C-alpha cells in the first residue's frame, strides 16, 4: 500500500511540475512570436464586396509562455479589414483590439482576416493596407501586414430591363441575382464594358441583346471571383462560375460582337431566335459553350473551346460557322462532349435542320472523333450539312459537292495528343490556353477566300486565309530576323 502511495505522489508531483512549466510566462524581450506569414495579401478585390477569408498562424517557439498585452488593427475601421484572433473578434465595441491573449510555449493561435473596403472613388484599383500589431508583455511590438488592391465597381442586383437601355461603364459591373431583358426591350452593352456575374446570376433575354464590343475594347462577361482557388489557379480559370446567357423564343434579332464570355455554366443558349456572333470567344464552360434550338445562327471569326458538354450543339434551324475554331480540350472531366454536334432531333422531338454549314473552320480536340452528326432513320425531317475547306477531326468521309468540299481530315495517328499541335499554348497544368495558331498547324494557308478579311483579333488576313478564327502571324522578334 505504501509503495502505491509513493508512486502516486511521484505522479502527482510530476504532473504539477509539468503544469507549472507549461504555465510559466516570460516578459523577456528575447521571447518573441513566430508567424506563418509576414503579410496577408488579398490580391485585387472589389470595394464594398466581402472577400473570402484568409488565415495565418501565430506560433510560440520561444521556450516560455508569452502574453500579448494587446493585439490591434493599427488603423481601426478605416481600411475595412476584419480580424478574428483565436475566436475573439476585433470589432468596434472592443476598439478593434483584443487584450491579454496568452500563448503557451510550443502552442499556437489562428488568425482570420477578411476585407470589405470602402469605395475609393477611382477608376483603377487602389492599394489598401493595415497592420495587425502584436504588443507583447515585454513591450516588444510585432506586426503582420494586411494588404489588398480594391477596385470600385457598380453593383446591379436582380435588374430587369423594360425599355431600350445601354450599359456603358469604365468601372466593372457586378451582377447579382441575374439580369433580365424584358420582351420588346433592347439591351446594348457598350465596348469596353466588363461584367462580373455572381454565382447565382446570369442573363435572360426575352427582348434583344446587342453586345457592341470592338477589337480594342472587348465586352467581357465572367464570374465575380477575382481571387485564387490555389496560388497557381485564379478562379477566373475555373468553369461554372456563373449561369451564362439564355436567349428565349420571344427575342428578336441579337448581335454579339467582340465579346469574351468565359468560365460560365452554359455560355449561350438560343431557343428559336436569331443571333449573329462576330469575333467572339466562348471558353471554359461547365455545360455547353453554344447550344441552339431551331434558331438562325451566323457565327464568324469566333472561338468555341473547352466545355464539359459540347463546344457547339445545333438542334435544327439554320447555322453557319465561317472562320471559326471549335476545340475541345476541357481539362476537368474526361467524359467531355464533342467540339461540334448537330442533329434534326433531340429526345422525342424533331428539329428540322435546314442547313448547318462550316467554312474555313477548325474542329479538333483530344478525342479521335470530335464531330457528331445524327438524324432519325427513315425520317423526312430535313437534315442538311456542309463542310468546305475545314480541318475536321473525324474519320475520313467521301468528299461530295453537296456536303463535303476539300476538307482536311485529322487522324489520330497524325496528332497523338489530339489537335494540340495547332495551337500556341495548351497548358493543362496551369489551365492556360492560347488558341492562336502555332507554326506547326496544318491550318495555315489552307482556307478558301471569303468576304471576311480580318481575324478574331481584327488583324488583316492574306489572300490565302488560314483555317480557324486566327490568322497566323510570326512573333515580332522572328519577323525581324
Protein backbone atom coordinates (compact mmCIF):
# COMPACT_ATOMS: atom_id res chain seq x y z
CA UNK A 1 0.00 0.00 0.00
CA UNK A 2 2.81 2.39 0.92
CA UNK A 3 4.51 1.55 -2.40
CA UNK A 4 1.40 2.51 -4.37
CA UNK A 5 1.04 5.73 -2.37
CA UNK A 6 4.68 6.59 -3.10
CA UNK A 7 4.24 6.17 -6.86
CA UNK A 8 1.01 8.14 -6.75
CA UNK A 9 2.79 11.04 -5.01
CA UNK A 10 5.55 10.95 -7.64
CA UNK A 11 3.00 11.06 -10.44
CA UNK A 12 1.09 13.96 -8.88
CA UNK A 13 4.33 15.87 -8.32
CA UNK A 14 5.39 15.32 -11.95
CA UNK A 15 2.01 16.47 -13.19
CA UNK A 16 2.12 19.63 -11.10
CA UNK A 17 5.66 20.32 -12.28
CA UNK A 18 4.62 19.90 -15.91
CA UNK A 19 1.69 22.26 -15.44
CA UNK A 20 3.97 24.78 -13.79
CA UNK A 21 6.39 24.60 -16.73
CA UNK A 22 3.62 24.99 -19.27
CA UNK A 23 2.12 27.91 -17.44
CA UNK A 24 5.35 29.81 -16.89
CA UNK A 25 5.33 33.13 -18.78
CA UNK A 26 8.28 35.33 -19.51
CA UNK A 27 8.40 39.09 -20.08
CA UNK A 28 11.88 38.85 -21.59
CA UNK A 29 12.29 40.89 -24.75
CA UNK A 30 14.16 37.96 -26.29
CA UNK A 31 11.00 35.88 -26.33
CA UNK A 32 9.00 36.70 -29.45
CA UNK A 33 6.33 35.16 -31.63
CA UNK A 34 6.74 33.41 -34.97
CA UNK A 35 4.23 33.86 -37.80
CA UNK A 36 3.33 31.54 -40.67
CA UNK A 37 3.48 34.63 -42.90
CA UNK A 38 4.65 38.21 -42.53
CA UNK A 39 1.87 39.54 -44.75
CA UNK A 40 -1.66 38.61 -45.76
CA UNK A 41 -2.32 39.55 -49.38
CA UNK A 42 -5.86 39.52 -50.76
CA UNK A 43 -4.85 40.35 -54.36
CA UNK A 44 -7.33 42.62 -56.17
CA UNK A 45 -10.84 42.75 -54.70
CA UNK A 46 -13.98 44.77 -55.33
CA UNK A 47 -14.78 47.59 -52.91
CA UNK A 48 -17.98 47.15 -50.86
CA UNK A 49 -17.88 43.39 -51.54
CA UNK A 50 -16.78 40.99 -48.77
CA UNK A 51 -13.74 38.92 -49.62
CA UNK A 52 -13.05 35.28 -48.91
CA UNK A 53 -11.40 34.55 -45.56
CA UNK A 54 -7.63 34.21 -45.30
CA UNK A 55 -5.91 32.70 -42.27
CA UNK A 56 -2.48 32.53 -40.74
CA UNK A 57 -0.93 31.00 -37.61
CA UNK A 58 0.90 32.61 -34.69
CA UNK A 59 3.42 30.27 -33.02
CA UNK A 60 5.25 30.46 -29.71
CA UNK A 61 8.57 28.66 -30.09
CA UNK A 62 10.43 30.75 -27.51
CA UNK A 63 10.59 28.20 -24.67
CA UNK A 64 8.32 30.16 -22.30
CA UNK A 65 4.75 31.32 -22.41
CA UNK A 66 4.13 34.74 -23.96
CA UNK A 67 1.37 37.18 -23.10
CA UNK A 68 0.14 39.68 -25.67
CA UNK A 69 -0.95 42.79 -23.82
CA UNK A 70 -2.78 43.93 -26.97
CA UNK A 71 -3.45 42.68 -30.49
CA UNK A 72 -4.89 45.50 -32.57
CA UNK A 73 -5.69 46.79 -36.02
CA UNK A 74 -3.42 49.78 -36.40
CA UNK A 75 -5.93 51.83 -38.40
CA UNK A 76 -9.08 50.66 -36.68
CA UNK A 77 -12.05 50.69 -39.06
CA UNK A 78 -10.53 53.00 -41.67
CA UNK A 79 -9.50 50.33 -44.16
CA UNK A 80 -12.28 47.75 -43.89
CA UNK A 81 -10.23 44.78 -42.67
CA UNK A 82 -11.98 42.44 -40.23
CA UNK A 83 -9.92 40.24 -37.94
CA UNK A 84 -10.69 37.40 -35.54
CA UNK A 85 -7.88 36.31 -33.23
CA UNK A 86 -8.29 32.86 -31.70
CA UNK A 87 -12.08 33.29 -31.52
CA UNK A 88 -12.04 36.94 -30.42
CA UNK A 89 -13.40 39.46 -32.94
CA UNK A 90 -11.61 42.81 -33.15
CA UNK A 91 -14.77 44.88 -33.57
CA UNK A 92 -15.77 48.44 -32.89
CA UNK A 93 -17.12 47.61 -29.42
CA UNK A 94 -13.66 46.32 -28.49
CA UNK A 95 -11.84 49.27 -30.02
CA UNK A 96 -10.62 47.00 -32.84
CA UNK A 97 -8.32 45.21 -30.45
CA UNK A 98 -8.20 42.32 -28.02
CA UNK A 99 -6.25 42.25 -24.75
CA UNK A 100 -4.40 39.72 -22.62
CA UNK A 101 -4.04 36.88 -25.09
CA UNK A 102 -1.80 34.09 -23.77
CA UNK A 103 0.16 31.75 -26.00
CA UNK A 104 1.82 28.95 -24.06
CA UNK A 105 5.16 27.58 -25.15
CA UNK A 106 5.02 25.30 -28.19
CA UNK A 107 1.42 26.37 -28.73
CA UNK A 108 -0.22 28.47 -31.44
CA UNK A 109 -3.29 30.53 -32.24
CA UNK A 110 -5.06 31.07 -35.54
CA UNK A 111 -5.99 34.44 -37.03
CA UNK A 112 -8.76 35.01 -39.61
CA UNK A 113 -8.74 38.02 -41.95
CA UNK A 114 -11.44 39.40 -44.27
CA UNK A 115 -11.92 42.71 -46.05
CA UNK A 116 -14.85 44.85 -47.14
CA UNK A 117 -13.17 48.00 -48.34
CA UNK A 118 -14.96 51.33 -48.77
CA UNK A 119 -15.24 52.95 -52.20
CA UNK A 120 -12.07 54.68 -53.29
CA UNK A 121 -13.73 56.87 -55.96
CA UNK A 122 -11.08 55.92 -58.50
CA UNK A 123 -11.36 54.07 -61.81
CA UNK A 124 -8.24 51.97 -61.26
CA UNK A 125 -7.54 49.60 -58.33
CA UNK A 126 -6.06 51.32 -55.29
CA UNK A 127 -3.89 49.79 -52.59
CA UNK A 128 -5.30 49.44 -49.09
CA UNK A 129 -3.05 48.45 -46.17
CA UNK A 130 -3.21 47.94 -42.46
CA UNK A 131 -1.03 46.36 -39.78
CA UNK A 132 -2.13 43.79 -37.26
CA UNK A 133 0.08 44.73 -34.30
CA UNK A 134 1.02 42.30 -31.53
CA UNK A 135 2.17 44.18 -28.39
CA UNK A 136 3.92 41.70 -26.08
CA UNK A 137 4.07 41.97 -22.29
CA UNK A 138 7.75 42.79 -22.69
CA UNK A 139 6.88 45.87 -24.73
CA UNK A 140 8.13 44.30 -27.96
CA UNK A 141 5.86 45.01 -30.94
CA UNK A 142 5.50 42.64 -33.86
CA UNK A 143 3.21 43.02 -36.86
CA UNK A 144 1.69 41.25 -39.83
CA UNK A 145 0.93 43.43 -42.86
CA UNK A 146 -2.58 43.23 -44.33
CA UNK A 147 -2.64 44.22 -47.97
CA UNK A 148 -5.03 44.34 -50.94
CA UNK A 149 -5.87 46.34 -54.04
CA UNK A 150 -9.50 47.41 -54.12
CA UNK A 151 -11.44 48.21 -57.26
CA UNK A 152 -14.59 50.30 -57.30
CA UNK A 153 -17.47 48.57 -59.07
CA UNK A 154 -21.07 49.26 -59.89
CA UNK A 155 -23.46 46.69 -58.41
CA UNK A 156 -26.63 45.60 -60.23
CA UNK A 157 -28.96 43.28 -58.34
CA UNK A 158 -31.99 41.47 -59.80
CA UNK A 159 -32.12 44.06 -62.55
CA UNK A 160 -34.90 43.97 -65.17
CA UNK A 161 -34.54 46.00 -68.38
CA UNK A 162 -38.03 47.04 -69.52
CA UNK A 163 -37.10 49.63 -72.16
CA UNK A 164 -34.26 50.21 -74.60
CA UNK A 165 -31.14 50.73 -72.46
CA UNK A 166 -27.38 50.85 -72.70
CA UNK A 167 -24.81 49.66 -70.19
CA UNK A 168 -21.65 51.72 -70.63
CA UNK A 169 -19.23 51.89 -67.73
CA UNK A 170 -15.49 52.24 -67.32
CA UNK A 171 -15.86 50.55 -63.93
CA UNK A 172 -16.51 46.82 -63.56
CA UNK A 173 -20.17 45.90 -63.13
CA UNK A 174 -21.12 43.20 -60.62
CA UNK A 175 -24.32 41.32 -61.45
CA UNK A 176 -26.12 39.66 -58.54
CA UNK A 177 -29.33 37.67 -58.77
CA UNK A 178 -29.46 38.00 -62.55
CA UNK A 179 -30.09 40.45 -65.36
CA UNK A 180 -33.31 40.15 -67.39
CA UNK A 181 -34.12 41.84 -70.69
CA UNK A 182 -37.90 42.01 -70.95
CA UNK A 183 -39.83 41.35 -74.16
CA UNK A 184 -39.79 44.28 -76.63
CA UNK A 185 -36.78 45.87 -74.89
CA UNK A 186 -33.24 46.02 -76.28
CA UNK A 187 -30.19 45.99 -74.05
CA UNK A 188 -26.98 47.32 -75.60
CA UNK A 189 -23.68 46.64 -73.86
CA UNK A 190 -21.08 49.18 -74.99
CA UNK A 191 -17.50 48.48 -75.98
CA UNK A 192 -15.06 48.12 -73.09
CA UNK A 193 -17.68 47.09 -70.54
CA UNK A 194 -16.69 44.34 -68.08
CA UNK A 195 -19.47 42.42 -66.37
CA UNK A 196 -18.75 40.21 -63.35
CA UNK A 197 -21.56 37.76 -62.59
CA UNK A 198 -22.09 36.30 -59.13
CA UNK A 199 -22.54 32.53 -58.90
CA UNK A 200 -26.35 32.83 -58.77
CA UNK A 201 -26.50 35.22 -61.72
CA UNK A 202 -26.94 35.00 -65.46
CA UNK A 203 -28.68 36.89 -68.24
CA UNK A 204 -32.17 36.02 -69.51
CA UNK A 205 -33.09 37.72 -72.79
CA UNK A 206 -36.75 37.87 -73.82
CA UNK A 207 -36.22 41.04 -75.87
CA UNK A 208 -33.00 41.73 -77.76
CA UNK A 209 -29.33 41.80 -76.81
CA UNK A 210 -26.66 43.82 -78.59
CA UNK A 211 -23.10 43.26 -77.36
CA UNK A 212 -21.19 46.01 -79.16
CA UNK A 213 -17.51 45.42 -78.46
CA UNK A 214 -14.58 46.30 -80.69
CA UNK A 215 -11.19 44.72 -81.36
CA UNK A 216 -9.56 47.17 -78.94
CA UNK A 217 -12.36 47.22 -76.36
CA UNK A 218 -13.97 43.84 -75.90
CA UNK A 219 -17.03 43.27 -73.77
CA UNK A 220 -16.03 40.82 -71.04
CA UNK A 221 -18.53 38.58 -69.23
CA UNK A 222 -17.11 36.42 -66.46
CA UNK A 223 -17.53 35.34 -62.83
CA UNK A 224 -17.09 37.79 -59.95
CA UNK A 225 -14.44 35.78 -58.08
CA UNK A 226 -11.21 37.69 -58.75
CA UNK A 227 -9.23 35.86 -56.08
CA UNK A 228 -7.50 32.49 -56.39
CA UNK A 229 -8.58 28.94 -55.65
CA UNK A 230 -4.90 27.97 -55.29
CA UNK A 231 -1.73 30.01 -55.66
CA UNK A 232 -1.38 28.91 -59.28
CA UNK A 233 -5.09 28.91 -60.14
CA UNK A 234 -7.27 32.03 -60.37
CA UNK A 235 -10.98 31.39 -60.01
CA UNK A 236 -11.31 33.03 -63.43
CA UNK A 237 -9.72 29.87 -64.92
CA UNK A 238 -12.31 27.61 -63.27
CA UNK A 239 -15.51 26.75 -65.16
CA UNK A 240 -19.03 27.07 -63.76
CA UNK A 241 -18.55 30.44 -62.06
CA UNK A 242 -21.90 31.86 -63.28
CA UNK A 243 -25.05 30.80 -65.15
CA UNK A 244 -24.50 32.23 -68.63
CA UNK A 245 -26.83 33.80 -71.23
CA UNK A 246 -30.19 32.37 -72.30
CA UNK A 247 -31.99 33.94 -75.28
CA UNK A 248 -35.65 32.90 -75.49
CA UNK A 249 -38.07 32.46 -78.38
CA UNK A 250 -39.75 35.85 -77.77
CA UNK A 251 -36.45 37.53 -78.60
CA UNK A 252 -35.90 39.42 -81.83
CA UNK A 253 -32.55 39.79 -83.56
CA UNK A 254 -29.46 39.58 -81.31
CA UNK A 255 -25.90 40.64 -82.09
CA UNK A 256 -22.77 39.66 -80.17
CA UNK A 257 -19.59 41.34 -81.41
CA UNK A 258 -16.10 41.22 -79.91
CA UNK A 259 -17.19 39.58 -76.67
CA UNK A 260 -15.24 37.38 -74.27
CA UNK A 261 -17.64 35.05 -72.43
CA UNK A 262 -15.91 32.54 -70.19
CA UNK A 263 -15.85 30.42 -67.01
CA UNK A 264 -19.62 30.00 -67.06
CA UNK A 265 -22.00 27.06 -66.98
CA UNK A 266 -23.91 27.21 -70.30
CA UNK A 267 -22.35 30.21 -72.00
CA UNK A 268 -25.00 30.85 -74.65
CA UNK A 269 -28.35 29.08 -75.18
CA UNK A 270 -30.57 30.20 -78.08
CA UNK A 271 -34.16 29.00 -78.31
CA UNK A 272 -35.88 29.68 -81.65
CA UNK A 273 -34.31 33.06 -82.26
CA UNK A 274 -31.85 34.93 -84.48
CA UNK A 275 -28.26 35.52 -83.34
CA UNK A 276 -25.19 36.87 -85.11
CA UNK A 277 -21.84 36.25 -83.41
CA UNK A 278 -18.70 38.00 -84.62
CA UNK A 279 -15.12 37.91 -83.32
CA UNK A 280 -16.22 36.41 -80.02
CA UNK A 281 -14.60 34.00 -77.56
CA UNK A 282 -16.70 31.44 -75.67
CA UNK A 283 -14.39 29.43 -73.44
CA UNK A 284 -14.20 27.13 -70.40
CA UNK A 285 -17.80 26.19 -69.66
CA UNK A 286 -19.13 23.60 -67.22
CA UNK A 287 -22.07 22.96 -69.54
CA UNK A 288 -22.42 23.90 -73.20
CA UNK A 289 -20.44 26.57 -74.98
CA UNK A 290 -23.11 27.38 -77.58
CA UNK A 291 -26.42 25.50 -77.68
CA UNK A 292 -29.06 26.39 -80.29
CA UNK A 293 -32.58 25.07 -80.87
CA UNK A 294 -34.47 25.93 -84.09
CA UNK A 295 -32.54 29.17 -84.41
CA UNK A 296 -30.94 31.13 -87.22
CA UNK A 297 -27.26 31.47 -86.40
CA UNK A 298 -24.41 33.27 -88.15
CA UNK A 299 -21.04 32.93 -86.42
CA UNK A 300 -17.86 34.42 -87.88
CA UNK A 301 -14.27 34.62 -86.65
CA UNK A 302 -15.29 33.14 -83.29
CA UNK A 303 -13.77 30.68 -80.82
CA UNK A 304 -15.74 27.94 -79.01
CA UNK A 305 -13.45 25.99 -76.72
CA UNK A 306 -13.19 23.74 -73.64
CA UNK A 307 -16.62 22.72 -72.40
CA UNK A 308 -17.90 19.83 -70.32
CA UNK A 309 -20.74 19.29 -72.78
CA UNK A 310 -20.36 20.14 -76.47
CA UNK A 311 -18.49 23.27 -77.52
CA UNK A 312 -21.19 23.83 -80.16
CA UNK A 313 -24.50 21.95 -80.38
CA UNK A 314 -27.08 22.74 -83.06
CA UNK A 315 -30.53 21.15 -82.99
CA UNK A 316 -32.48 22.17 -86.06
CA UNK A 317 -32.75 25.59 -87.61
CA UNK A 318 -30.07 27.16 -89.76
CA UNK A 319 -26.49 27.68 -88.57
CA UNK A 320 -23.44 28.95 -90.42
CA UNK A 321 -19.90 28.98 -89.00
CA UNK A 322 -17.30 30.85 -91.05
CA UNK A 323 -13.65 31.09 -90.00
CA UNK A 324 -14.37 29.64 -86.54
CA UNK A 325 -12.35 27.49 -84.15
CA UNK A 326 -14.06 24.71 -82.19
CA UNK A 327 -11.58 22.95 -79.93
CA UNK A 328 -12.44 20.50 -77.14
CA UNK A 329 -9.70 20.35 -74.52
CA UNK A 330 -11.87 20.62 -71.39
CA UNK A 331 -9.49 19.70 -68.55
CA UNK A 332 -11.78 18.93 -65.61
CA UNK A 333 -13.57 15.77 -66.82
CA UNK A 334 -12.63 13.04 -69.29
CA UNK A 335 -16.31 12.44 -70.01
CA UNK A 336 -16.49 15.61 -72.08
CA UNK A 337 -18.68 16.34 -75.10
CA UNK A 338 -17.51 16.86 -78.66
CA UNK A 339 -16.35 20.02 -80.42
CA UNK A 340 -19.40 20.07 -82.74
CA UNK A 341 -22.74 18.28 -82.55
CA UNK A 342 -25.65 18.77 -84.95
CA UNK A 343 -28.93 16.93 -85.33
CA UNK A 344 -32.51 17.13 -86.60
CA UNK A 345 -33.95 15.72 -83.39
CA UNK A 346 -33.46 15.55 -79.65
CA UNK A 347 -35.17 13.01 -77.45
CA UNK A 348 -38.65 12.58 -78.95
CA UNK A 349 -38.85 15.97 -80.66
CA UNK A 350 -37.96 16.77 -84.27
CA UNK A 351 -35.86 19.84 -85.07
CA UNK A 352 -35.71 20.35 -88.84
CA UNK A 353 -32.11 21.17 -89.74
CA UNK A 354 -32.42 23.26 -92.90
CA UNK A 355 -28.64 23.83 -93.01
CA UNK A 356 -25.58 23.52 -90.80
CA UNK A 357 -22.52 24.77 -92.66
CA UNK A 358 -18.87 25.25 -91.71
CA UNK A 359 -16.42 27.12 -93.96
CA UNK A 360 -12.71 27.56 -93.14
CA UNK A 361 -13.45 26.21 -89.67
CA UNK A 362 -11.04 24.28 -87.45
CA UNK A 363 -12.76 21.48 -85.49
CA UNK A 364 -10.49 19.44 -83.24
CA UNK A 365 -9.80 18.20 -79.71
CA UNK A 366 -8.48 15.29 -77.68
CA UNK A 367 -10.90 12.62 -78.93
CA UNK A 368 -10.48 10.62 -82.13
CA UNK A 369 -13.82 11.96 -83.38
CA UNK A 370 -14.84 15.49 -82.44
CA UNK A 371 -17.88 15.81 -84.76
CA UNK A 372 -21.19 14.08 -84.11
CA UNK A 373 -23.97 14.50 -86.66
CA UNK A 374 -27.15 12.46 -86.15
CA UNK A 375 -30.54 12.14 -87.84
CA UNK A 376 -33.54 9.89 -87.37
CA UNK A 377 -33.66 6.84 -89.61
CA UNK A 378 -36.48 6.80 -92.15
CA UNK A 379 -37.41 10.39 -91.30
CA UNK A 380 -38.49 13.13 -93.67
CA UNK A 381 -37.26 15.79 -91.25
CA UNK A 382 -34.69 17.99 -93.07
CA UNK A 383 -31.07 17.22 -92.24
CA UNK A 384 -28.64 19.26 -94.32
CA UNK A 385 -25.00 20.00 -93.61
CA UNK A 386 -21.98 21.33 -95.49
CA UNK A 387 -18.24 21.48 -94.73
CA UNK A 388 -15.97 23.48 -97.02
CA UNK A 389 -12.18 23.84 -96.52
CA UNK A 390 -12.31 22.79 -92.87
CA UNK A 391 -9.96 20.82 -90.67
CA UNK A 392 -12.07 18.01 -89.23
CA UNK A 393 -11.02 15.59 -86.53
CA UNK A 394 -13.27 12.73 -87.60
CA UNK A 395 -12.92 9.54 -89.70
CA UNK A 396 -12.41 10.21 -93.41
CA UNK A 397 -15.60 10.56 -95.44
CA UNK A 398 -16.02 10.61 -99.20
CA UNK A 399 -15.98 14.17 -100.50
CA UNK A 400 -19.02 15.33 -102.46
CA UNK A 401 -20.12 18.77 -103.71
CA UNK A 402 -23.28 18.70 -101.62
CA UNK A 403 -21.82 18.03 -98.17
CA UNK A 404 -18.00 17.95 -98.16
CA UNK A 405 -15.51 20.01 -100.21
CA UNK A 406 -11.70 19.97 -99.86
CA UNK A 407 -11.57 19.29 -96.13
CA UNK A 408 -8.51 18.10 -94.22
CA UNK A 409 -9.21 15.03 -92.07
CA UNK A 410 -7.17 14.98 -88.92
CA UNK A 411 -6.45 11.38 -87.98
CA UNK A 412 -5.34 10.15 -84.53
CA UNK A 413 -2.03 8.92 -85.94
CA UNK A 414 -1.35 12.44 -87.20
CA UNK A 415 -1.72 14.01 -83.77
CA UNK A 416 -1.20 11.64 -80.86
CA UNK A 417 -2.22 14.29 -78.32
CA UNK A 418 -5.31 15.39 -80.18
CA UNK A 419 -5.19 18.67 -82.05
CA UNK A 420 -2.75 20.26 -79.60
CA UNK A 421 -0.19 20.93 -82.32
CA UNK A 422 -2.44 23.53 -83.95
CA UNK A 423 -2.28 25.98 -81.09
CA UNK A 424 0.19 28.35 -79.48
CA UNK A 425 -0.36 27.05 -75.92
CA UNK A 426 -2.32 24.21 -74.33
CA UNK A 427 -1.10 24.20 -70.71
CA UNK A 428 -3.32 21.80 -68.77
CA UNK A 429 -1.16 22.02 -65.64
CA UNK A 430 -1.87 25.72 -65.13
CA UNK A 431 -5.11 25.79 -67.17
CA UNK A 432 -3.77 28.42 -69.57
CA UNK A 433 -4.78 28.26 -73.22
CA UNK A 434 -3.94 30.27 -76.31
CA UNK A 435 -5.84 29.13 -79.41
CA UNK A 436 -3.89 31.25 -81.85
CA UNK A 437 -2.22 29.08 -84.46
CA UNK A 438 1.25 27.67 -83.96
CA UNK A 439 3.71 27.46 -86.84
CA UNK A 440 3.16 23.65 -86.86
CA UNK A 441 -0.54 23.90 -87.67
CA UNK A 442 -1.76 22.47 -90.96
CA UNK A 443 -4.44 25.19 -90.91
CA UNK A 444 -2.01 27.81 -92.24
CA UNK A 445 -2.84 28.96 -95.82
CA UNK A 446 -5.39 26.16 -96.29
CA UNK A 447 -8.61 28.21 -96.32
CA UNK A 448 -10.68 29.40 -99.23
CA UNK A 449 -11.11 33.17 -99.76
CA UNK A 450 -14.20 34.59 -98.05
CA UNK A 451 -15.74 38.01 -97.58
CA UNK A 452 -14.25 38.26 -94.09
CA UNK A 453 -10.85 39.89 -94.42
CA UNK A 454 -9.93 40.11 -90.70
CA UNK A 455 -9.44 37.53 -87.95
CA UNK A 456 -10.80 37.39 -84.40
CA UNK A 457 -8.25 39.94 -83.19
CA UNK A 458 -9.06 42.36 -86.01
CA UNK A 459 -5.88 41.54 -87.94
CA UNK A 460 -5.95 41.51 -91.73
CA UNK A 461 -5.99 38.11 -93.40
CA UNK A 462 -3.94 37.48 -96.55
CA UNK A 463 -5.21 36.21 -99.90
CA UNK A 464 -4.94 32.58 -98.77
CA UNK A 465 -6.58 32.73 -95.33
CA UNK A 466 -5.77 30.29 -92.57
CA UNK A 467 -8.44 27.91 -91.31
CA UNK A 468 -9.92 28.91 -87.96
CA UNK A 469 -10.64 32.21 -86.25
CA UNK A 470 -6.99 33.31 -86.03
CA UNK A 471 -4.61 34.21 -88.83
CA UNK A 472 -1.07 33.03 -88.14
CA UNK A 473 1.49 35.77 -87.58
CA UNK A 474 5.09 35.13 -86.68
CA UNK A 475 6.22 36.72 -83.39
CA UNK A 476 7.72 40.18 -83.88
CA UNK A 477 11.23 39.01 -82.97
CA UNK A 478 11.11 36.32 -85.66
CA UNK A 479 9.86 38.78 -88.25
CA UNK A 480 12.90 40.98 -87.59
CA UNK A 481 15.20 38.07 -88.37
